[in-house]
Amino acid sequence: MRGEFRQKEFAGGGFQAFGEGSFWVLIGDYAPIEKWLKARKARIEDSHVEIAGRNSALPMLDIRKLEARVEPGAFIREGARLGKNCVIMMARSSTSPPRSGRGR
C-alpha cells in the first residue's frame, strides 16, 4: 500500500503492518484490513490486495466474502455451493479402494 502512515496508526487493527513512510505491507485476515483501508481511503495513494492461501482452491471466486474454509489441496467443482462455516478438506488419494470398516 502507498500512503503516508506511521506505525502507531496500525495499532489495534487486528493485523500486522510492515514498512515505513509511504510504503506498507499489511498481513492478516482480510476483514479487519478491509475495515482499516476503507476508513482511510482518502489517504491511500495506491493499494493491491492479494489473498494467498485462505481459500486457495477457488482462484476464480471472490474469496474475500466466502464464509467457508477451504483447505489447500481441496478440489471444488464449478457450480458447487459452499455453506456458511463449512470446511472443505482434501480428499484421500489412493489406488486401492477404501476399507469398509468391517472386520477391524
Foldseek 3Di string as FASTA:
>chain_A
DFFADQLVLCPPLQWDWDDHGGDIDTDDQVVSVVVSCVVCVVRRPDDDDDDDFQAVQCPPDPCSPDQEGEHPQFHDDPPDDDDHHHYTYHDDDDPDDDDPPPPD
